[in-house]
Amino acid sequence: MNNYIIYEQPIRESLRLILKYEYLMEKYNFHNNNNDVWNTKSAINTILEISEMSSRINLKLETLKELKKLSFHIGYLKDKMIITDNEHKSLGEEIKVCLEEVDRIHDNPCKKIVENDFLMSIRSKLNIPAGDNFFDLPGYLNFLTSNKKFIEQSLSSWFETYEIIARSSKVILNVIRSSDKFSDCIAKNGFYENKVDGDTKIDLIRIKIEINLNCHPVISVNNKILNVIFREFTDNDLNFSKKNDDINFSLSLPKSYS
């Protein structure tokens, strides 16, 4: 287990979407790998959550845009000697495969979900407290207690298209996160300020702090000034206030490739 936490704040809206997608993927994978009734139920709820997001935003189009930008950006990283020629070649091939996979998606990724009456019957209950109970949805309990292989095949089928998007998202985020190294910083009395070059377009703000500091950053960027305030919980009711100690942390500012 790591002895530190990395907090991230996306600046670009399209990157915010990809980070949300990554969050949902991690949640789905956790529940899907623990295949008891309650975890399977949570995995299905997460699939429905992903389908809700993809019904509002064209995930295929947004992913293709990011991959095409990334194909140019890795050239910039090679020129700046941030990545080697071999890494550039390997990433280029990986991006090409992702572009081909995503381009082969014919319909909105949520189509298979919204056209499934069983899943939609569950989704219609999720905004009601305890709405997805088993006496109102006896077929749900029947499914959750059926043959494990059948459950796994069903989940895999529903998630298949999203898995393609997930692979591309992972490539995009790996490149962005690794494009800038962490630098050591100090927040005096829990406050840090950094002036950002006017021509610099930051993609992502990443802050790494040790877990034992027991605090979290509140990040804001205004008029090319990055502000970070570190806060801590002050009581058992989880009220918090600014931490008044000096905080040692590490900062990474991956730049925009758009």
C-alpha atoms as a PDB file:
ATOM      1  CA  MET A   1       0.000   0.000   0.000  1.00  0.00           C
ATOM      2  CA  ASN A   2       1.277   3.461  -0.893  1.00  0.00           C
ATOM      3  CA  ASN A   3       2.043   5.844   1.960  1.00  0.00           C
ATOM      4  CA  TYR A   4       0.821   8.793  -0.094  1.00  0.00           C
ATOM      5  CA  ILE A   5      -2.330  10.022  -1.869  1.00  0.00           C
ATOM      6  CA  ILE A   6      -2.470  11.757  -5.257  1.00  0.00           C
ATOM      7  CA  TYR A   7      -5.232  14.335  -5.627  1.00  0.00           C
ATOM      8  CA  GLU A   8      -6.127  15.441  -9.149  1.00  0.00           C
ATOM      9  CA  GLN A   9      -7.987  18.464 -10.503  1.00  0.00           C
ATOM     10  CA  PRO A  10      -8.705  18.514 -14.261  1.00  0.00           C
ATOM     11  CA  ILE A  11      -8.686  21.903 -15.989  1.00  0.00           C
ATOM     12  CA  ARG A  12      -9.986  20.894 -19.395  1.00  0.00           C
ATOM     13  CA  GLU A  13     -13.649  19.797 -19.540  1.00  0.00           C
ATOM     14  CA  SER A  14     -12.996  16.866 -21.881  1.00  0.00           C
ATOM     15  CA  LEU A  15     -10.346  15.578 -19.466  1.00  0.00           C
ATOM     16  CA  ARG A  16     -12.836  15.871 -16.616  1.00  0.00           C
ATOM     17  CA  LEU A  17     -15.095  13.532 -18.592  1.00  0.00           C
ATOM     18  CA  ILE A  18     -12.300  10.980 -19.047  1.00  0.00           C
ATOM     19  CA  LEU A  19     -11.433  11.078 -15.338  1.00  0.00           C
ATOM     20  CA  LYS A  20     -15.090  10.518 -14.438  1.00  0.00           C
ATOM     21  CA  TYR A  21     -15.116   7.566 -16.801  1.00  0.00           C
ATOM     22  CA  GLU A  22     -11.974   6.169 -15.184  1.00  0.00           C
ATOM     23  CA  TYR A  23     -13.621   6.500 -11.763  1.00  0.00           C
ATOM     24  CA  LEU A  24     -16.654   4.538 -12.943  1.00  0.00           C
ATOM     25  CA  MET A  25     -14.440   1.886 -14.555  1.00  0.00           C
ATOM     26  CA  GLU A  26     -12.530   1.353 -11.319  1.00  0.00           C
ATOM     27  CA  LYS A  27     -15.771   1.086  -9.391  1.00  0.00           C
ATOM     28  CA  TYR A  28     -17.196  -1.415 -11.878  1.00  0.00           C
ATOM     29  CA  ASN A  29     -14.044  -3.553 -11.931  1.00  0.00           C
ATOM     30  CA  PHE A  30     -13.909  -3.708  -8.136  1.00  0.00           C
ATOM     31  CA  HIS A  31     -17.490  -4.941  -7.820  1.00  0.00           C
ATOM     32  CA  ASN A  32     -17.234  -7.241 -10.826  1.00  0.00           C
ATOM     33  CA  ASN A  33     -14.164  -8.950  -9.356  1.00  0.00           C
ATOM     34  CA  ASN A  34     -16.049  -9.697  -6.125  1.00  0.00           C
ATOM     35  CA  ASN A  35     -18.922 -11.670  -7.582  1.00  0.00           C
ATOM     36  CA  ASP A  36     -21.303 -12.128  -4.659  1.00  0.00           C
ATOM     37  CA  VAL A  37     -24.914 -10.928  -4.877  1.00  0.00           C
ATOM     38  CA  TRP A  38     -24.306  -7.430  -3.475  1.00  0.00           C
ATOM     39  CA  ASN A  39     -21.185  -6.736  -5.506  1.00  0.00           C
ATOM     40  CA  THR A  40     -22.866  -7.965  -8.690  1.00  0.00           C
ATOM     41  CA  LYS A  41     -25.776  -5.670  -7.889  1.00  0.00           C
ATOM     42  CA  SER A  42     -23.358  -2.745  -7.466  1.00  0.00           C
ATOM     43  CA  ALA A  43     -21.593  -3.650 -10.726  1.00  0.00           C
ATOM     44  CA  ILE A  44     -24.932  -3.497 -12.570  1.00  0.00           C
ATOM     45  CA  ASN A  45     -25.750  -0.156 -10.932  1.00  0.00           C
ATOM     46  CA  THR A  46     -22.396   1.157 -12.151  1.00  0.00           C
ATOM     47  CA  ILE A  47     -23.098  -0.019 -15.710  1.00  0.00           C
ATOM     48  CA  LEU A  48     -26.379   1.882 -15.525  1.00  0.00           C
ATOM     49  CA  GLU A  49     -24.528   4.935 -14.205  1.00  0.00           C
ATOM     50  CA  ILE A  50     -22.084   4.746 -17.129  1.00  0.00           C
ATOM     51  CA  SER A  51     -24.960   4.371 -19.605  1.00  0.00           C
ATOM     52  CA  GLU A  52     -26.627   7.460 -18.133  1.00  0.00           C
ATOM     53  CA  MET A  53     -23.433   9.449 -18.692  1.00  0.00           C
ATOM     54  CA  SER A  54     -22.930   8.130 -22.222  1.00  0.00           C
ATOM     55  CA  SER A  55     -26.551   8.891 -23.147  1.00  0.00           C
ATOM     56  CA  ARG A  56     -25.814  12.595 -22.553  1.00  0.00           C
ATOM     57  CA  ILE A  57     -22.333  12.753 -24.111  1.00  0.00           C
ATOM     58  CA  ASN A  58     -21.044  11.077 -27.264  1.00  0.00           C
ATOM     59  CA  LEU A  59     -18.261   9.042 -25.662  1.00  0.00           C
ATOM     60  CA  LYS A  60     -17.114   7.625 -28.989  1.00  0.00           C
ATOM     61  CA  LEU A  61     -16.657  11.077 -30.540  1.00  0.00           C
ATOM     62  CA  GLU A  62     -14.966  12.561 -27.460  1.00  0.00           C
ATOM     63  CA  THR A  63     -12.580   9.606 -27.185  1.00  0.00           C
ATOM     64  CA  LEU A  64     -11.645   9.830 -30.872  1.00  0.00           C
ATOM     65  CA  LYS A  65     -10.908  13.548 -30.471  1.00  0.00           C
ATOM     66  CA  GLU A  66      -8.641  12.913 -27.488  1.00  0.00           C
ATOM     67  CA  LEU A  67      -6.784  10.082 -29.226  1.00  0.00           C
ATOM     68  CA  LYS A  68      -6.130  12.225 -32.318  1.00  0.00           C
ATOM     69  CA  LYS A  69      -4.805  15.052 -30.125  1.00  0.00           C
ATOM     70  CA  LEU A  70      -2.657  12.559 -28.274  1.00  0.00           C
ATOM     71  CA  SER A  71      -1.082  11.284 -31.493  1.00  0.00           C
ATOM     72  CA  PHE A  72       0.280  14.805 -32.100  1.00  0.00           C
ATOM     73  CA  HIS A  73       1.204  15.373 -28.462  1.00  0.00           C
ATOM     74  CA  ILE A  74       3.522  12.383 -28.225  1.00  0.00           C
ATOM     75  CA  GLY A  75       5.543  13.961 -31.041  1.00  0.00           C
ATOM     76  CA  TYR A  76       5.954  17.060 -28.885  1.00  0.00           C
ATOM     77  CA  LEU A  77       6.991  14.877 -25.922  1.00  0.00           C
ATOM     78  CA  LYS A  78       9.610  13.161 -28.092  1.00  0.00           C
ATOM     79  CA  ASP A  79      10.974  16.512 -29.329  1.00  0.00           C
ATOM     80  CA  LYS A  80      11.268  17.698 -25.711  1.00  0.00           C
ATOM     81  CA  MET A  81      12.998  14.397 -24.835  1.00  0.00           C
ATOM     82  CA  ILE A  82      10.303  13.587 -22.283  1.00  0.00           C
ATOM     83  CA  ILE A  83       9.859  10.230 -24.013  1.00  0.00           C
ATOM     84  CA  THR A  84      12.368   8.195 -26.060  1.00  0.00           C
ATOM     85  CA  ASP A  85      12.093   7.276 -29.736  1.00  0.00           C
ATOM     86  CA  ASN A  86      11.123   3.721 -28.761  1.00  0.00           C
ATOM     87  CA  GLU A  87       8.457   4.977 -26.348  1.00  0.00           C
ATOM     88  CA  HIS A  88       7.127   7.286 -29.063  1.00  0.00           C
ATOM     89  CA  LYS A  89       6.905   4.399 -31.527  1.00  0.00           C
ATOM     90  CA  SER A  90       5.228   2.102 -28.994  1.00  0.00           C
ATOM     91  CA  LEU A  91       2.700   4.765 -27.969  1.00  0.00           C
ATOM     92  CA  GLY A  92       1.981   5.594 -31.594  1.00  0.00           C
ATOM     93  CA  GLU A  93       1.138   1.961 -32.327  1.00  0.00           C
ATOM     94  CA  GLU A  94      -1.012   1.736 -29.189  1.00  0.00           C
ATOM     95  CA  ILE A  95      -2.913   4.906 -30.116  1.00  0.00           C
ATOM     96  CA  LYS A  96      -3.455   3.594 -33.652  1.00  0.00           C
ATOM     97  CA  VAL A  97      -5.008   0.375 -32.305  1.00  0.00           C
ATOM     98  CA  CYS A  98      -7.253   2.389 -29.952  1.00  0.00           C
ATOM     99  CA  LEU A  99      -8.389   4.664 -32.801  1.00  0.00           C
ATOM    100  CA  GLU A 100      -9.323   1.656 -34.923  1.00  0.00           C
ATOM    101  CA  GLU A 101     -11.192  -0.030 -32.047  1.00  0.00           C
ATOM    102  CA  VAL A 102     -13.176   3.066 -31.109  1.00  0.00           C
ATOM    103  CA  ASP A 103     -13.930   3.910 -34.746  1.00  0.00           C
ATOM    104  CA  ARG A 104     -15.505   0.459 -35.190  1.00  0.00           C
ATOM    105  CA  ILE A 105     -18.157   1.280 -32.561  1.00  0.00           C
ATOM    106  CA  HIS A 106     -21.263   1.820 -34.717  1.00  0.00           C
ATOM    107  CA  ASP A 107     -23.833   2.973 -32.170  1.00  0.00           C
ATOM    108  CA  ASN A 108     -23.862   4.966 -28.971  1.00  0.00           C
ATOM    109  CA  PRO A 109     -22.246   2.706 -26.314  1.00  0.00           C
ATOM    110  CA  CYS A 110     -25.393   2.955 -24.201  1.00  0.00           C
ATOM    111  CA  LYS A 111     -27.640   1.502 -26.949  1.00  0.00           C
ATOM    112  CA  LYS A 112     -27.347  -2.087 -25.729  1.00  0.00           C
ATOM    113  CA  ILE A 113     -28.263  -0.961 -22.210  1.00  0.00           C
ATOM    114  CA  VAL A 114     -31.239   1.311 -22.951  1.00  0.00           C
ATOM    115  CA  GLU A 115     -32.780  -1.300 -25.253  1.00  0.00           C
ATOM    116  CA  ASN A 116     -32.642  -3.968 -22.531  1.00  0.00           C
ATOM    117  CA  ASP A 117     -36.001  -4.102 -20.699  1.00  0.00           C
ATOM    118  CA  PHE A 118     -34.519  -5.969 -17.729  1.00  0.00           C
ATOM    119  CA  LEU A 119     -31.849  -3.324 -17.098  1.00  0.00           C
ATOM    120  CA  MET A 120     -34.274  -0.456 -17.688  1.00  0.00           C
ATOM    121  CA  SER A 121     -36.681  -1.917 -15.113  1.00  0.00           C
ATOM    122  CA  ILE A 122     -33.829  -1.685 -12.585  1.00  0.00           C
ATOM    123  CA  ARG A 123     -32.769   1.777 -13.698  1.00  0.00           C
ATOM    124  CA  SER A 124     -36.315   3.110 -13.268  1.00  0.00           C
ATOM    125  CA  LYS A 125     -36.134   2.212  -9.556  1.00  0.00           C
ATOM    126  CA  LEU A 126     -32.705   3.592  -8.688  1.00  0.00           C
ATOM    127  CA  ASN A 127     -33.838   7.126  -7.781  1.00  0.00           C
ATOM    128  CA  ILE A 128     -36.308   5.730  -5.240  1.00  0.00           C
ATOM    129  CA  PRO A 129     -34.924   4.859  -1.780  1.00  0.00           C
ATOM    130  CA  ALA A 130     -34.696   1.039  -1.706  1.00  0.00           C
ATOM    131  CA  GLY A 131     -36.522   1.078  -5.034  1.00  0.00           C
ATOM    132  CA  ASP A 132     -34.497  -1.794  -6.460  1.00  0.00           C
ATOM    133  CA  ASN A 133     -35.625  -4.156  -3.704  1.00  0.00           C
ATOM    134  CA  PHE A 134     -36.258  -7.797  -4.493  1.00  0.00           C
ATOM    135  CA  PHE A 135     -39.995  -7.923  -3.736  1.00  0.00           C
ATOM    136  CA  ASP A 136     -40.661  -5.251  -6.390  1.00  0.00           C
ATOM    137  CA  LEU A 137     -38.082  -6.824  -8.735  1.00  0.00           C
ATOM    138  CA  PRO A 138     -38.227 -10.591  -8.149  1.00  0.00           C
ATOM    139  CA  GLY A 139     -36.622 -11.189 -11.551  1.00  0.00           C
ATOM    140  CA  TYR A 140     -33.577  -9.244 -10.316  1.00  0.00           C
ATOM    141  CA  LEU A 141     -33.073 -11.642  -7.406  1.00  0.00           C
ATOM    142  CA  ASN A 142     -33.595 -14.554  -9.805  1.00  0.00           C
ATOM    143  CA  PHE A 143     -30.784 -13.195 -12.006  1.00  0.00           C
ATOM    144  CA  LEU A 144     -28.411 -12.409  -9.107  1.00  0.00           C
ATOM    145  CA  THR A 145     -28.729 -15.947  -7.736  1.00  0.00           C
ATOM    146  CA  SER A 146     -28.510 -17.739 -11.082  1.00  0.00           C
ATOM    147  CA  ASN A 147     -25.547 -19.582 -12.577  1.00  0.00           C
ATOM    148  CA  LYS A 148     -22.331 -17.573 -12.101  1.00  0.00           C
ATOM    149  CA  LYS A 149     -21.199 -18.219 -15.655  1.00  0.00           C
ATOM    150  CA  PHE A 150     -24.490 -16.823 -16.979  1.00  0.00           C
ATOM    151  CA  ILE A 151     -24.096 -13.714 -14.805  1.00  0.00           C
ATOM    152  CA  GLU A 152     -20.493 -13.196 -15.967  1.00  0.00           C
ATOM    153  CA  GLN A 153     -21.489 -13.568 -19.623  1.00  0.00           C
ATOM    154  CA  SER A 154     -24.334 -11.088 -19.211  1.00  0.00           C
ATOM    155  CA  LEU A 155     -22.155  -8.472 -17.519  1.00  0.00           C
ATOM    156  CA  SER A 156     -19.423  -8.965 -20.126  1.00  0.00           C
ATOM    157  CA  SER A 157     -21.934  -8.478 -22.943  1.00  0.00           C
ATOM    158  CA  TRP A 158     -23.379  -5.286 -21.424  1.00  0.00           C
ATOM    159  CA  PHE A 159     -19.930  -3.892 -20.690  1.00  0.00           C
ATOM    160  CA  GLU A 160     -18.233  -4.920 -23.945  1.00  0.00           C
ATOM    161  CA  THR A 161     -18.366  -1.558 -25.740  1.00  0.00           C
ATOM    162  CA  TYR A 162     -17.441   0.373 -22.604  1.00  0.00           C
ATOM    163  CA  GLU A 163     -14.339  -1.796 -22.251  1.00  0.00           C
ATOM    164  CA  ILE A 164     -13.111  -0.475 -25.616  1.00  0.00           C
ATOM    165  CA  ILE A 165     -13.539   3.114 -24.411  1.00  0.00           C
ATOM    166  CA  ALA A 166     -11.842   2.206 -21.126  1.00  0.00           C
ATOM    167  CA  ARG A 167      -8.702   0.941 -22.886  1.00  0.00           C
ATOM    168  CA  SER A 168      -8.402   4.190 -24.823  1.00  0.00           C
ATOM    169  CA  SER A 169      -9.035   6.298 -21.717  1.00  0.00           C
ATOM    170  CA  LYS A 170      -6.255   4.459 -19.912  1.00  0.00           C
ATOM    171  CA  VAL A 171      -3.775   5.240 -22.701  1.00  0.00           C
ATOM    172  CA  ILE A 172      -4.773   8.927 -22.726  1.00  0.00           C
ATOM    173  CA  LEU A 173      -4.467   9.337 -18.963  1.00  0.00           C
ATOM    174  CA  ASN A 174      -1.200   7.406 -18.729  1.00  0.00           C
ATOM    175  CA  VAL A 175       0.443   9.749 -21.244  1.00  0.00           C
ATOM    176  CA  ILE A 176      -0.924  12.905 -19.615  1.00  0.00           C
ATOM    177  CA  ARG A 177       0.045  11.864 -16.093  1.00  0.00           C
ATOM    178  CA  SER A 178       3.554  10.805 -17.061  1.00  0.00           C
ATOM    179  CA  SER A 179       4.293  13.929 -19.140  1.00  0.00           C
ATOM    180  CA  ASP A 180       5.317  16.025 -16.125  1.00  0.00           C
ATOM    181  CA  LYS A 181       7.362  14.974 -13.115  1.00  0.00           C
ATOM    182  CA  PHE A 182       6.489  15.800  -9.518  1.00  0.00           C
ATOM    183  CA  SER A 183       8.382  18.697  -7.906  1.00  0.00           C
ATOM    184  CA  ASP A 184       8.751  19.208  -4.158  1.00  0.00           C
ATOM    185  CA  CYS A 185       6.840  22.197  -2.738  1.00  0.00           C
ATOM    186  CA  ILE A 186       5.945  23.701   0.651  1.00  0.00           C
ATOM    187  CA  ALA A 187       2.588  25.204   1.608  1.00  0.00           C
ATOM    188  CA  LYS A 188       3.410  27.802   4.275  1.00  0.00           C
ATOM    189  CA  ASN A 189       0.791  27.714   7.028  1.00  0.00           C
ATOM    190  CA  GLY A 190      -1.287  25.422   4.806  1.00  0.00           C
ATOM    191  CA  PHE A 191      -1.371  27.792   1.808  1.00  0.00           C
ATOM    192  CA  TYR A 192       0.454  27.578  -1.524  1.00  0.00           C
ATOM    193  CA  GLU A 193       0.420  29.967  -4.492  1.00  0.00           C
ATOM    194  CA  ASN A 194       2.097  29.536  -7.854  1.00  0.00           C
ATOM    195  CA  LYS A 195       2.017  31.936 -10.799  1.00  0.00           C
ATOM    196  CA  VAL A 196       1.477  30.126 -14.076  1.00  0.00           C
ATOM    197  CA  ASP A 197       3.015  31.362 -17.324  1.00  0.00           C
ATOM    198  CA  GLY A 198       0.369  33.149 -19.377  1.00  0.00           C
ATOM    199  CA  ASP A 199       1.117  31.031 -22.445  1.00  0.00           C
ATOM    200  CA  THR A 200       0.955  27.759 -20.546  1.00  0.00           C
ATOM    201  CA  LYS A 201      -2.190  25.668 -20.811  1.00  0.00           C
ATOM    202  CA  ILE A 202      -2.398  23.282 -17.896  1.00  0.00           C
ATOM    203  CA  ASP A 203      -4.294  20.065 -18.459  1.00  0.00           C
ATOM    204  CA  LEU A 204      -4.257  18.617 -14.988  1.00  0.00           C
ATOM    205  CA  ILE A 205      -3.150  19.567 -11.483  1.00  0.00           C
ATOM    206  CA  ARG A 206      -1.723  16.680  -9.457  1.00  0.00           C
ATOM    207  CA  ILE A 207      -0.812  16.944  -5.787  1.00  0.00           C
ATOM    208  CA  LYS A 208       0.902  14.134  -3.890  1.00  0.00           C
ATOM    209  CA  ILE A 209       0.916  14.196  -0.086  1.00  0.00           C
ATOM    210  CA  GLU A 210       1.731  11.668   2.601  1.00  0.00           C
ATOM    211  CA  ILE A 211      -1.265   9.922   4.133  1.00  0.00           C
ATOM    212  CA  ASN A 212      -0.088  10.563   7.682  1.00  0.00           C
ATOM    213  CA  LEU A 213      -0.486  14.331   7.166  1.00  0.00           C
ATOM    214  CA  ASN A 214      -4.235  13.690   7.374  1.00  0.00           C
ATOM    215  CA  CYS A 215      -5.300  16.628   5.229  1.00  0.00           C
ATOM    216  CA  HIS A 216      -6.593  17.330   1.726  1.00  0.00           C
ATOM    217  CA  PRO A 217      -6.009  20.123  -0.828  1.00  0.00           C
ATOM    218  CA  VAL A 218      -8.618  22.531  -2.147  1.00  0.00           C
ATOM    219  CA  ILE A 219      -7.364  23.603  -5.572  1.00  0.00           C
ATOM    220  CA  SER A 220      -8.286  26.656  -7.633  1.00  0.00           C
ATOM    221  CA  VAL A 221      -6.828  28.387 -10.697  1.00  0.00           C
ATOM    222  CA  ASN A 222      -7.738  32.018 -11.374  1.00  0.00           C
ATOM    223  CA  ASN A 223      -6.029  34.527 -13.705  1.00  0.00           C
ATOM    224  CA  LYS A 224      -3.062  32.216 -14.180  1.00  0.00           C
ATOM    225  CA  ILE A 225      -2.529  31.843 -10.453  1.00  0.00           C
ATOM    226  CA  LEU A 226      -2.690  28.400  -8.859  1.00  0.00           C
ATOM    227  CA  ASN A 227      -3.899  28.414  -5.255  1.00  0.00           C
ATOM    228  CA  VAL A 228      -3.906  25.419  -2.934  1.00  0.00           C
ATOM    229  CA  ILE A 229      -5.346  25.462   0.576  1.00  0.00           C
ATOM    230  CA  PHE A 230      -4.818  22.403   2.745  1.00  0.00           C
ATOM    231  CA  ARG A 231      -7.668  21.532   5.072  1.00  0.00           C
ATOM    232  CA  GLU A 232      -8.078  19.058   7.902  1.00  0.00           C
ATOM    233  CA  PHE A 233     -11.027  17.609   9.788  1.00  0.00           C
ATOM    234  CA  THR A 234     -11.398  19.195  13.200  1.00  0.00           C
ATOM    235  CA  ASP A 235     -13.967  16.981  14.942  1.00  0.00           C
ATOM    236  CA  ASN A 236     -15.955  13.762  14.739  1.00  0.00           C
ATOM    237  CA  ASP A 237     -18.700  15.514  12.775  1.00  0.00           C
ATOM    238  CA  LEU A 238     -16.132  15.973   9.994  1.00  0.00           C
ATOM    239  CA  ASN A 239     -16.128  19.753  10.058  1.00  0.00           C
ATOM    240  CA  PHE A 240     -12.872  21.027   8.622  1.00  0.00           C
ATOM    241  CA  SER A 241     -10.706  24.135   8.611  1.00  0.00           C
ATOM    242  CA  LYS A 242      -7.450  25.325   7.047  1.00  0.00           C
ATOM    243  CA  LYS A 243      -4.388  23.533   8.323  1.00  0.00           C
ATOM    244  CA  ASN A 244      -1.978  26.046   9.881  1.00  0.00           C
ATOM    245  CA  ASP A 245       1.166  23.913   9.689  1.00  0.00           C
ATOM    246  CA  ASP A 246       3.686  23.982   6.859  1.00  0.00           C
ATOM    247  CA  ILE A 247       2.832  21.159   4.448  1.00  0.00           C
ATOM    248  CA  ASN A 248       5.428  19.368   2.344  1.00  0.00           C
ATOM    249  CA  PHE A 249       3.893  18.057  -0.866  1.00  0.00           C
ATOM    250  CA  SER A 250       4.739  17.321  -4.499  1.00  0.00           C
ATOM    251  CA  LEU A 251       3.176  19.084  -7.488  1.00  0.00           C
ATOM    252  CA  SER A 252       2.838  18.010 -11.126  1.00  0.00           C
ATOM    253  CA  LEU A 253       1.294  20.174 -13.869  1.00  0.00           C
ATOM    254  CA  PRO A 254       0.856  18.219 -17.118  1.00  0.00           C
ATOM    255  CA  LYS A 255       0.397  20.693 -19.979  1.00  0.00           C
ATOM    256  CA  SER A 256      -2.432  20.775 -22.465  1.00  0.00           C
ATOM    257  CA  TYR A 257      -1.892  19.190 -25.884  1.00  0.00           C
ATOM    258  CA  SER A 258      -5.024  20.758 -27.425  1.00  0.00           C
END
